[in-house]
């Protein structure tokens, strides 16, 4: 069973932002061919951030599925993320064989700081800026 721990308000806001970004990234395939977004590393970091916020790790096959990436490609990217100190092996699953993957402290800190910067840059949740930009594009004033 996953370990659940309370999260701070800042982490809670970051979880909300990351959840919204994951949703936006998943829905882009409704409009674009998925092969133009082939690098799963960022999706892996987003998913692992949410998992860690919930006190969970992810098995490599779960992570590959969540990142919409083949297992082989995901394994290569997990290796790259490990070498960069962003992810680390977690606990062994109940089967006694599969080791979970989780964000390393460096990865957690970087993701939390990134999400916080995102939140701070859009105090109105970006609504006013997005509307203004869309109006300017529509009016041909970009």
Foldseek 3Di string as FASTA:
>chain_A
DADADDDDPLLVLLLVVLVVVLVVVVCCVVPDPCVVVQQLLVQLLSVLLNQVNRRHFAFLVRSCVSSVHPSVNSVVSLVVCVVVQQKDWAPADPVNPTTTIHTGPVNNVVSSVVSSVVCVVCVVVCPVVVVVVVVCVVVVND
